[in-house]
Amino acid sequence: MNYTPKSQDFFKNVFDVVRLIPKGRVTSYGAIAKYLGAGGSSRMVGWAMNASHGVKPKVPAHRVVNRNGMLSGKGHFATPTLMEELLAKEKIKVKNETIVDFEKHFWDPIAALGF
């Protein structure tokens, strides 16, 4: 199925992909958008992450960062340090608001789930 940003279910589809990210791994907004067939919609994935807090079942939004591994969404968590704290619990180190060894921790949904 090809997903588009206009799909009513786009946020739900984003949430479903994010729930598949293994603990100790991260992905990017763009990688999720590309997996969903909406490669130019990484910003919309960000909007979905901003709307994910309180969604059931839980969406591990802390595992989604920008293409450079920066915690660009940290301002949308309950506290300014919560995103980094959640990543630290999963043994992911952050320095200067950026994932250390980003490539090592990167989870590509296309490679992991197929396309």
N, C-alpha and C. Protein backbone atom coordinates (compact mmCIF):
# COMPACT_ATOMS: atom_id res chain seq x y z
N MET A 1 0.85 -1.18 0.00
CA MET A 1 0.00 0.00 0.00
C MET A 1 0.89 1.24 0.00
N ASN A 2 0.58 2.20 -0.80
CA ASN A 2 1.34 3.43 -0.87
C ASN A 2 0.67 4.49 0.00
N TYR A 3 1.41 5.01 0.97
CA TYR A 3 0.86 6.00 1.89
C TYR A 3 1.21 7.39 1.38
N THR A 4 0.31 8.31 1.55
CA THR A 4 0.59 9.69 1.17
C THR A 4 0.29 10.57 2.37
N PRO A 5 0.88 11.76 2.42
CA PRO A 5 0.60 12.65 3.53
C PRO A 5 -0.88 13.01 3.64
N LYS A 6 -1.63 12.89 2.54
CA LYS A 6 -3.05 13.24 2.57
C LYS A 6 -3.90 12.14 3.18
N SER A 7 -3.30 10.97 3.38
CA SER A 7 -4.04 9.85 3.94
C SER A 7 -4.52 10.18 5.34
N GLN A 8 -5.77 9.86 5.63
CA GLN A 8 -6.33 10.06 6.97
C GLN A 8 -5.52 9.30 8.00
N ASP A 9 -4.93 8.21 7.59
CA ASP A 9 -4.24 7.34 8.51
C ASP A 9 -2.74 7.60 8.58
N PHE A 10 -2.25 8.70 8.03
CA PHE A 10 -0.80 8.93 7.99
C PHE A 10 -0.19 8.90 9.39
N PHE A 11 -0.76 9.65 10.34
CA PHE A 11 -0.21 9.66 11.70
C PHE A 11 -0.24 8.26 12.29
N LYS A 12 -1.34 7.54 12.10
CA LYS A 12 -1.44 6.17 12.61
C LYS A 12 -0.35 5.29 12.00
N ASN A 13 -0.11 5.44 10.71
CA ASN A 13 0.93 4.66 10.05
C ASN A 13 2.31 5.01 10.60
N VAL A 14 2.54 6.28 10.85
CA VAL A 14 3.81 6.70 11.47
C VAL A 14 3.95 6.05 12.84
N PHE A 15 2.89 6.12 13.65
CA PHE A 15 2.94 5.54 14.99
C PHE A 15 3.24 4.04 14.91
N ASP A 16 2.63 3.35 13.96
CA ASP A 16 2.86 1.91 13.81
C ASP A 16 4.32 1.61 13.50
N VAL A 17 4.95 2.40 12.65
CA VAL A 17 6.36 2.20 12.32
C VAL A 17 7.23 2.49 13.53
N VAL A 18 6.96 3.58 14.22
CA VAL A 18 7.77 3.97 15.37
C VAL A 18 7.70 2.90 16.47
N ARG A 19 6.56 2.28 16.62
CA ARG A 19 6.43 1.22 17.63
C ARG A 19 7.31 0.00 17.30
N LEU A 20 7.76 -0.11 16.06
CA LEU A 20 8.60 -1.24 15.65
C LEU A 20 10.09 -0.98 15.84
N ILE A 21 10.46 0.25 16.15
CA ILE A 21 11.89 0.57 16.36
C ILE A 21 12.35 -0.17 17.61
N PRO A 22 13.36 -1.02 17.48
CA PRO A 22 13.83 -1.76 18.66
C PRO A 22 14.45 -0.84 19.72
N LYS A 23 14.36 -1.26 20.98
CA LYS A 23 15.04 -0.53 22.05
C LYS A 23 16.52 -0.44 21.72
N GLY A 24 17.10 0.70 22.02
CA GLY A 24 18.52 0.90 21.76
C GLY A 24 18.84 1.30 20.33
N ARG A 25 17.81 1.57 19.55
CA ARG A 25 17.98 1.99 18.15
C ARG A 25 17.18 3.27 17.94
N VAL A 26 17.54 4.02 16.91
CA VAL A 26 16.84 5.24 16.54
C VAL A 26 16.69 5.29 15.03
N THR A 27 15.76 6.09 14.58
CA THR A 27 15.60 6.33 13.15
C THR A 27 15.33 7.81 12.94
N SER A 28 15.18 8.19 11.70
CA SER A 28 14.95 9.61 11.39
C SER A 28 13.55 9.83 10.84
N TYR A 29 13.13 11.07 10.90
CA TYR A 29 11.83 11.46 10.34
C TYR A 29 11.78 11.09 8.85
N GLY A 30 12.87 11.39 8.16
CA GLY A 30 12.93 11.12 6.72
C GLY A 30 12.88 9.65 6.39
N ALA A 31 13.53 8.81 7.19
CA ALA A 31 13.52 7.37 6.94
C ALA A 31 12.10 6.81 7.09
N ILE A 32 11.37 7.32 8.06
CA ILE A 32 9.98 6.88 8.24
C ILE A 32 9.14 7.34 7.07
N ALA A 33 9.29 8.61 6.67
CA ALA A 33 8.52 9.14 5.54
C ALA A 33 8.80 8.33 4.28
N LYS A 34 10.06 8.04 4.03
CA LYS A 34 10.44 7.27 2.84
C LYS A 34 9.82 5.88 2.89
N TYR A 35 9.87 5.23 4.05
CA TYR A 35 9.28 3.90 4.20
C TYR A 35 7.78 3.94 3.88
N LEU A 36 7.12 5.01 4.28
CA LEU A 36 5.68 5.13 4.06
C LEU A 36 5.34 5.61 2.65
N GLY A 37 6.34 5.77 1.80
CA GLY A 37 6.10 6.18 0.42
C GLY A 37 5.82 7.66 0.28
N ALA A 38 6.24 8.43 1.28
CA ALA A 38 6.00 9.87 1.28
C ALA A 38 7.33 10.57 1.58
N GLY A 39 8.34 10.27 0.78
CA GLY A 39 9.70 10.73 1.02
C GLY A 39 9.88 12.20 1.32
N GLY A 40 9.05 13.04 0.81
CA GLY A 40 9.18 14.47 1.06
C GLY A 40 8.42 14.96 2.27
N SER A 41 7.97 14.05 3.10
CA SER A 41 7.08 14.41 4.20
C SER A 41 7.69 14.21 5.58
N SER A 42 9.00 14.39 5.69
CA SER A 42 9.63 14.19 7.00
C SER A 42 9.08 15.18 8.03
N ARG A 43 8.74 16.37 7.60
CA ARG A 43 8.16 17.35 8.53
C ARG A 43 6.82 16.86 9.07
N MET A 44 6.05 16.22 8.22
CA MET A 44 4.76 15.69 8.68
C MET A 44 4.97 14.55 9.69
N VAL A 45 6.04 13.76 9.49
CA VAL A 45 6.38 12.73 10.48
C VAL A 45 6.69 13.42 11.81
N GLY A 46 7.39 14.53 11.76
CA GLY A 46 7.66 15.31 12.98
C GLY A 46 6.39 15.77 13.65
N TRP A 47 5.43 16.22 12.87
CA TRP A 47 4.15 16.62 13.44
C TRP A 47 3.46 15.44 14.12
N ALA A 48 3.57 14.28 13.48
CA ALA A 48 2.99 13.07 14.09
C ALA A 48 3.66 12.78 15.43
N MET A 49 4.99 12.92 15.47
CA MET A 49 5.69 12.67 16.73
C MET A 49 5.26 13.66 17.80
N ASN A 50 5.06 14.92 17.42
CA ASN A 50 4.60 15.93 18.37
C ASN A 50 3.22 15.59 18.91
N ALA A 51 2.41 14.91 18.10
CA ALA A 51 1.04 14.55 18.50
C ALA A 51 0.97 13.17 19.16
N SER A 52 2.10 12.50 19.30
CA SER A 52 2.09 11.11 19.76
C SER A 52 2.03 10.94 21.27
N HIS A 53 2.35 11.97 22.00
CA HIS A 53 2.38 11.86 23.46
C HIS A 53 0.97 11.64 23.99
N GLY A 54 0.79 10.56 24.70
CA GLY A 54 -0.52 10.21 25.23
C GLY A 54 -1.29 9.25 24.36
N VAL A 55 -0.77 8.92 23.16
CA VAL A 55 -1.44 7.97 22.27
C VAL A 55 -1.27 6.57 22.85
N LYS A 56 -2.30 5.76 22.75
CA LYS A 56 -2.26 4.37 23.20
C LYS A 56 -2.42 3.46 21.99
N PRO A 57 -1.67 2.35 21.88
CA PRO A 57 -0.54 2.05 22.73
C PRO A 57 0.58 3.07 22.56
N LYS A 58 1.45 3.10 23.56
CA LYS A 58 2.52 4.10 23.62
C LYS A 58 3.37 4.13 22.35
N VAL A 59 3.78 5.32 21.96
CA VAL A 59 4.64 5.54 20.80
C VAL A 59 6.00 6.03 21.34
N PRO A 60 7.08 5.27 21.11
CA PRO A 60 8.39 5.68 21.62
C PRO A 60 9.02 6.79 20.77
N ALA A 61 8.43 7.97 20.83
CA ALA A 61 8.86 9.10 20.01
C ALA A 61 10.31 9.51 20.26
N HIS A 62 10.86 9.16 21.42
CA HIS A 62 12.25 9.51 21.73
C HIS A 62 13.23 8.81 20.79
N ARG A 63 12.78 7.79 20.08
CA ARG A 63 13.65 7.06 19.15
C ARG A 63 13.67 7.66 17.75
N VAL A 64 13.03 8.80 17.57
CA VAL A 64 13.00 9.45 16.25
C VAL A 64 13.73 10.78 16.35
N VAL A 65 14.76 10.92 15.51
CA VAL A 65 15.62 12.10 15.54
C VAL A 65 15.76 12.64 14.11
N ASN A 66 16.48 13.73 13.96
CA ASN A 66 16.65 14.24 12.59
C ASN A 66 17.72 13.46 11.84
N ARG A 67 17.93 13.77 10.60
CA ARG A 67 18.82 12.99 9.73
C ARG A 67 20.27 13.01 10.17
N ASN A 68 20.63 13.94 11.05
CA ASN A 68 21.99 14.03 11.56
C ASN A 68 22.11 13.44 12.97
N GLY A 69 21.03 12.88 13.47
CA GLY A 69 21.05 12.29 14.81
C GLY A 69 20.79 13.29 15.93
N MET A 70 20.36 14.48 15.57
CA MET A 70 20.08 15.50 16.59
C MET A 70 18.70 15.31 17.20
N LEU A 71 18.59 15.62 18.48
CA LEU A 71 17.32 15.50 19.20
C LEU A 71 16.46 16.73 18.91
N SER A 72 16.09 16.89 17.68
CA SER A 72 15.36 18.09 17.25
C SER A 72 13.95 18.17 17.84
N GLY A 73 13.41 17.07 18.30
CA GLY A 73 12.06 17.07 18.87
C GLY A 73 12.03 17.17 20.38
N LYS A 74 13.17 17.37 21.02
CA LYS A 74 13.23 17.34 22.48
C LYS A 74 12.34 18.37 23.16
N GLY A 75 12.06 19.46 22.48
CA GLY A 75 11.21 20.51 23.05
C GLY A 75 9.76 20.12 23.16
N HIS A 76 9.39 19.00 22.57
CA HIS A 76 7.99 18.56 22.59
C HIS A 76 7.74 17.48 23.65
N PHE A 77 8.74 17.22 24.49
CA PHE A 77 8.58 16.28 25.59
C PHE A 77 8.22 17.05 26.85
N ALA A 78 7.77 16.33 27.87
CA ALA A 78 7.29 16.96 29.10
C ALA A 78 8.35 17.85 29.75
N THR A 79 9.61 17.47 29.65
CA THR A 79 10.70 18.31 30.15
C THR A 79 11.77 18.40 29.06
N PRO A 80 12.62 19.41 29.12
CA PRO A 80 13.64 19.57 28.08
C PRO A 80 14.67 18.43 28.03
N THR A 81 14.79 17.66 29.11
CA THR A 81 15.79 16.59 29.15
C THR A 81 15.19 15.19 29.02
N LEU A 82 13.88 15.08 28.95
CA LEU A 82 13.24 13.76 28.96
C LEU A 82 13.64 12.89 27.78
N MET A 83 13.72 13.46 26.59
CA MET A 83 14.09 12.66 25.41
C MET A 83 15.47 12.03 25.62
N GLU A 84 16.43 12.82 26.07
CA GLU A 84 17.77 12.31 26.31
C GLU A 84 17.77 11.27 27.43
N GLU A 85 16.99 11.49 28.47
CA GLU A 85 16.91 10.54 29.58
C GLU A 85 16.37 9.19 29.11
N LEU A 86 15.34 9.21 28.27
CA LEU A 86 14.75 7.97 27.76
C LEU A 86 15.75 7.23 26.88
N LEU A 87 16.51 7.97 26.07
CA LEU A 87 17.54 7.34 25.24
C LEU A 87 18.65 6.74 26.12
N ALA A 88 19.03 7.44 27.17
CA ALA A 88 20.08 6.95 28.08
C ALA A 88 19.65 5.63 28.73
N LYS A 89 18.37 5.50 29.05
CA LYS A 89 17.87 4.24 29.63
C LYS A 89 18.03 3.07 28.66
N GLU A 90 18.11 3.39 27.36
CA GLU A 90 18.29 2.37 26.33
C GLU A 90 19.76 2.28 25.89
N LYS A 91 20.64 2.84 26.69
CA LYS A 91 22.09 2.78 26.45
C LYS A 91 22.53 3.55 25.21
N ILE A 92 21.77 4.58 24.85
CA ILE A 92 22.15 5.44 23.73
C ILE A 92 22.72 6.73 24.32
N LYS A 93 23.96 7.01 23.98
CA LYS A 93 24.63 8.20 24.49
C LYS A 93 24.33 9.39 23.60
N VAL A 94 24.19 10.53 24.26
CA VAL A 94 23.93 11.79 23.56
C VAL A 94 24.98 12.80 24.02
N LYS A 95 25.53 13.50 23.06
CA LYS A 95 26.48 14.57 23.38
C LYS A 95 26.10 15.78 22.54
N ASN A 96 26.00 16.92 23.18
CA ASN A 96 25.60 18.15 22.49
C ASN A 96 24.31 17.96 21.70
N GLU A 97 23.34 17.28 22.34
CA GLU A 97 22.01 17.05 21.77
C GLU A 97 22.04 16.22 20.49
N THR A 98 23.08 15.40 20.31
CA THR A 98 23.23 14.55 19.13
C THR A 98 23.59 13.13 19.57
N ILE A 99 23.01 12.14 18.90
CA ILE A 99 23.30 10.75 19.20
C ILE A 99 24.77 10.46 18.91
N VAL A 100 25.47 9.88 19.87
CA VAL A 100 26.86 9.45 19.67
C VAL A 100 26.82 8.14 18.88
N ASP A 101 27.66 8.02 17.87
CA ASP A 101 27.67 6.84 16.99
C ASP A 101 26.30 6.63 16.34
N PHE A 102 25.77 7.70 15.80
CA PHE A 102 24.43 7.66 15.19
C PHE A 102 24.29 6.52 14.18
N GLU A 103 25.28 6.34 13.33
CA GLU A 103 25.19 5.30 12.29
C GLU A 103 25.04 3.91 12.91
N LYS A 104 25.72 3.68 14.04
CA LYS A 104 25.65 2.39 14.73
C LYS A 104 24.25 2.12 15.29
N HIS A 105 23.59 3.16 15.73
CA HIS A 105 22.27 3.03 16.36
C HIS A 105 21.12 3.19 15.37
N PHE A 106 21.45 3.62 14.15
CA PHE A 106 20.39 3.91 13.16
C PHE A 106 19.66 2.64 12.73
N TRP A 107 18.36 2.71 12.75
CA TRP A 107 17.48 1.63 12.32
C TRP A 107 16.75 2.10 11.07
N ASP A 108 16.98 1.43 9.96
CA ASP A 108 16.36 1.80 8.69
C ASP A 108 15.12 0.95 8.50
N PRO A 109 13.93 1.54 8.53
CA PRO A 109 12.72 0.72 8.39
C PRO A 109 12.63 -0.03 7.07
N ILE A 110 13.16 0.53 6.00
CA ILE A 110 13.11 -0.19 4.71
C ILE A 110 13.96 -1.45 4.77
N ALA A 111 15.18 -1.33 5.32
CA ALA A 111 16.05 -2.50 5.44
C ALA A 111 15.48 -3.51 6.42
N ALA A 112 14.89 -3.04 7.50
CA ALA A 112 14.40 -3.94 8.54
C ALA A 112 13.06 -4.59 8.20
N LEU A 113 12.20 -3.83 7.54
CA LEU A 113 10.83 -4.28 7.32
C LEU A 113 10.53 -4.61 5.86
N GLY A 114 11.43 -4.21 4.96
CA GLY A 114 11.16 -4.37 3.54
C GLY A 114 10.30 -3.22 3.05
N PHE A 115 10.15 -3.16 1.77
CA PHE A 115 9.38 -2.04 1.20
C PHE A 115 8.34 -2.55 0.26
